[in-house]
Amino acid sequence: MLKANDYGKILTLESLRKITIDSLVRLARLEVKKRYLESVDLGSDRKIDLTTSRIANGGSRYWFLCPDCQRRSGVLYQGPNGLTCRICVGYRYRSSRYKGMVS
């Protein structure tokens, strides 16, 4: 909205707030993704929290927070004590068992 002192000034688009459809779609996708991830039933009696981190293109990535150690993890495993990260479950990848072995 113009004020009395603005008449005669050169108004530029750079002085205005810019709203793009792409930015609104990006925000909507993030909100939908967050709500979906929070509503999924993982079959665990413990609450699985989520966290985010920034990625290079300005977006964000979602992570699980391990219920045992609170580390962020992209994958949780159903172990003997319920859902947990690979470090807390204590299992190892099969390929890591053979490192350094000569056949």
C-alpha atoms as a PDB file:
ATOM      1  CA  MET A   1       0.000   0.000   0.000  1.00  0.00           C
ATOM      2  CA  LEU A   2       1.354   3.414  -0.944  1.00  0.00           C
ATOM      3  CA  LYS A   3       1.844   6.081   1.706  1.00  0.00           C
ATOM      4  CA  ALA A   4       1.706   9.848   1.193  1.00  0.00           C
ATOM      5  CA  ASN A   5       5.525  10.082   1.135  1.00  0.00           C
ATOM      6  CA  ASP A   6       5.820   7.384  -1.564  1.00  0.00           C
ATOM      7  CA  TYR A   7       4.447   9.518  -4.399  1.00  0.00           C
ATOM      8  CA  GLY A   8       7.198  10.481  -6.808  1.00  0.00           C
ATOM      9  CA  LYS A   9       9.511   7.684  -5.639  1.00  0.00           C
ATOM     10  CA  ILE A  10      10.634   4.996  -8.033  1.00  0.00           C
ATOM     11  CA  LEU A  11       9.165   1.754  -6.738  1.00  0.00           C
ATOM     12  CA  THR A  12      10.993  -1.436  -7.635  1.00  0.00           C
ATOM     13  CA  LEU A  13       9.941  -5.053  -7.381  1.00  0.00           C
ATOM     14  CA  GLU A  14      12.996  -5.788  -5.216  1.00  0.00           C
ATOM     15  CA  SER A  15      11.405  -3.834  -2.364  1.00  0.00           C
ATOM     16  CA  LEU A  16       8.361  -6.135  -2.317  1.00  0.00           C
ATOM     17  CA  ARG A  17       7.925  -9.566  -0.777  1.00  0.00           C
ATOM     18  CA  LYS A  18       7.976 -12.191  -3.516  1.00  0.00           C
ATOM     19  CA  ILE A  19       5.768 -15.293  -3.295  1.00  0.00           C
ATOM     20  CA  THR A  20       6.210 -17.948  -5.954  1.00  0.00           C
ATOM     21  CA  ILE A  21       4.031 -20.953  -6.644  1.00  0.00           C
ATOM     22  CA  ASP A  22       7.150 -23.153  -6.439  1.00  0.00           C
ATOM     23  CA  SER A  23       7.926 -21.994  -2.902  1.00  0.00           C
ATOM     24  CA  LEU A  24       4.332 -22.636  -1.810  1.00  0.00           C
ATOM     25  CA  VAL A  25       4.332 -26.103  -3.377  1.00  0.00           C
ATOM     26  CA  ARG A  26       7.659 -26.889  -1.683  1.00  0.00           C
ATOM     27  CA  LEU A  27       6.242 -25.843   1.710  1.00  0.00           C
ATOM     28  CA  ALA A  28       3.070 -27.868   1.127  1.00  0.00           C
ATOM     29  CA  ARG A  29       5.077 -30.965   0.201  1.00  0.00           C
ATOM     30  CA  LEU A  30       7.208 -30.639   3.330  1.00  0.00           C
ATOM     31  CA  GLU A  31       4.152 -30.259   5.529  1.00  0.00           C
ATOM     32  CA  VAL A  32       2.377 -33.225   3.924  1.00  0.00           C
ATOM     33  CA  LYS A  33       5.511 -35.360   4.207  1.00  0.00           C
ATOM     34  CA  LYS A  34       5.973 -34.426   7.873  1.00  0.00           C
ATOM     35  CA  ARG A  35       2.330 -35.131   8.768  1.00  0.00           C
ATOM     36  CA  TYR A  36       2.410 -38.459   6.922  1.00  0.00           C
ATOM     37  CA  LEU A  37       5.625 -39.595   8.596  1.00  0.00           C
ATOM     38  CA  GLU A  38       4.274 -38.658  12.019  1.00  0.00           C
ATOM     39  CA  SER A  39       1.038 -40.579  11.449  1.00  0.00           C
ATOM     40  CA  VAL A  40       2.508 -43.883  10.219  1.00  0.00           C
ATOM     41  CA  ASP A  41       2.069 -46.766  12.654  1.00  0.00           C
ATOM     42  CA  LEU A  42       5.430 -48.532  12.825  1.00  0.00           C
ATOM     43  CA  GLY A  43       4.120 -51.293  15.069  1.00  0.00           C
ATOM     44  CA  SER A  44       6.198 -50.129  18.013  1.00  0.00           C
ATOM     45  CA  ASP A  45       4.979 -49.373  21.515  1.00  0.00           C
ATOM     46  CA  ARG A  46       7.633 -46.642  21.765  1.00  0.00           C
ATOM     47  CA  LYS A  47       7.237 -43.240  20.143  1.00  0.00           C
ATOM     48  CA  ILE A  48       9.579 -42.722  17.190  1.00  0.00           C
ATOM     49  CA  ASP A  49      10.539 -39.056  16.856  1.00  0.00           C
ATOM     50  CA  LEU A  50      11.596 -37.358  13.627  1.00  0.00           C
ATOM     51  CA  THR A  51      14.224 -34.723  12.959  1.00  0.00           C
ATOM     52  CA  THR A  52      15.410 -32.882   9.859  1.00  0.00           C
ATOM     53  CA  SER A  53      18.673 -31.719   8.363  1.00  0.00           C
ATOM     54  CA  ARG A  54      19.354 -29.189   5.621  1.00  0.00           C
ATOM     55  CA  ILE A  55      20.457 -30.426   2.212  1.00  0.00           C
ATOM     56  CA  ALA A  56      22.480 -28.625  -0.445  1.00  0.00           C
ATOM     57  CA  ASN A  57      19.588 -27.476  -2.643  1.00  0.00           C
ATOM     58  CA  GLY A  58      17.929 -25.613   0.243  1.00  0.00           C
ATOM     59  CA  GLY A  59      15.505 -28.378   1.162  1.00  0.00           C
ATOM     60  CA  SER A  60      15.464 -30.669   4.142  1.00  0.00           C
ATOM     61  CA  ARG A  61      15.757 -34.394   4.771  1.00  0.00           C
ATOM     62  CA  TYR A  62      13.802 -36.315   7.384  1.00  0.00           C
ATOM     63  CA  TRP A  63      15.436 -38.763   9.790  1.00  0.00           C
ATOM     64  CA  PHE A  64      14.217 -41.127  12.486  1.00  0.00           C
ATOM     65  CA  LEU A  65      15.619 -40.546  15.969  1.00  0.00           C
ATOM     66  CA  CYS A  66      16.634 -43.890  17.439  1.00  0.00           C
ATOM     67  CA  PRO A  67      14.520 -44.483  20.571  1.00  0.00           C
ATOM     68  CA  ASP A  68      17.567 -45.913  22.394  1.00  0.00           C
ATOM     69  CA  CYS A  69      20.498 -43.617  21.548  1.00  0.00           C
ATOM     70  CA  GLN A  70      18.731 -40.610  19.945  1.00  0.00           C
ATOM     71  CA  ARG A  71      21.051 -40.723  16.896  1.00  0.00           C
ATOM     72  CA  ARG A  72      19.451 -39.823  13.602  1.00  0.00           C
ATOM     73  CA  SER A  73      18.989 -42.725  11.242  1.00  0.00           C
ATOM     74  CA  GLY A  74      17.387 -43.291   7.860  1.00  0.00           C
ATOM     75  CA  VAL A  75      16.614 -46.920   8.729  1.00  0.00           C
ATOM     76  CA  LEU A  76      15.307 -48.588  11.879  1.00  0.00           C
ATOM     77  CA  TYR A  77      15.431 -52.340  12.443  1.00  0.00           C
ATOM     78  CA  GLN A  78      12.972 -54.541  14.290  1.00  0.00           C
ATOM     79  CA  GLY A  79      15.305 -56.194  16.796  1.00  0.00           C
ATOM     80  CA  PRO A  80      14.690 -58.143  19.972  1.00  0.00           C
ATOM     81  CA  ASN A  81      14.048 -54.909  21.921  1.00  0.00           C
ATOM     82  CA  GLY A  82      11.774 -53.278  19.320  1.00  0.00           C
ATOM     83  CA  LEU A  83      12.652 -50.688  16.682  1.00  0.00           C
ATOM     84  CA  THR A  84      16.192 -49.355  16.950  1.00  0.00           C
ATOM     85  CA  CYS A  85      19.104 -48.224  14.777  1.00  0.00           C
ATOM     86  CA  ARG A  86      21.711 -50.656  13.436  1.00  0.00           C
ATOM     87  CA  ILE A  87      24.269 -49.643  16.061  1.00  0.00           C
ATOM     88  CA  CYS A  88      21.917 -50.270  18.988  1.00  0.00           C
ATOM     89  CA  VAL A  89      20.591 -53.548  17.591  1.00  0.00           C
ATOM     90  CA  GLY A  90      24.185 -54.836  17.613  1.00  0.00           C
ATOM     91  CA  TYR A  91      24.031 -56.755  14.342  1.00  0.00           C
ATOM     92  CA  ARG A  92      26.553 -56.297  11.537  1.00  0.00           C
ATOM     93  CA  TYR A  93      26.372 -56.482   7.773  1.00  0.00           C
ATOM     94  CA  ARG A  94      27.366 -59.888   6.407  1.00  0.00           C
ATOM     95  CA  SER A  95      29.976 -58.328   4.096  1.00  0.00           C
ATOM     96  CA  SER A  96      31.797 -56.733   7.050  1.00  0.00           C
ATOM     97  CA  ARG A  97      32.457 -60.172   8.551  1.00  0.00           C
ATOM     98  CA  TYR A  98      34.709 -61.123   5.631  1.00  0.00           C
ATOM     99  CA  LYS A  99      36.898 -58.031   5.407  1.00  0.00           C
ATOM    100  CA  GLY A 100      40.557 -58.916   5.323  1.00  0.00           C
ATOM    101  CA  MET A 101      39.954 -62.647   4.917  1.00  0.00           C
ATOM    102  CA  VAL A 102      41.878 -64.413   2.201  1.00  0.00           C
ATOM    103  CA  SER A 103      39.916 -67.008   0.271  1.00  0.00           C
END
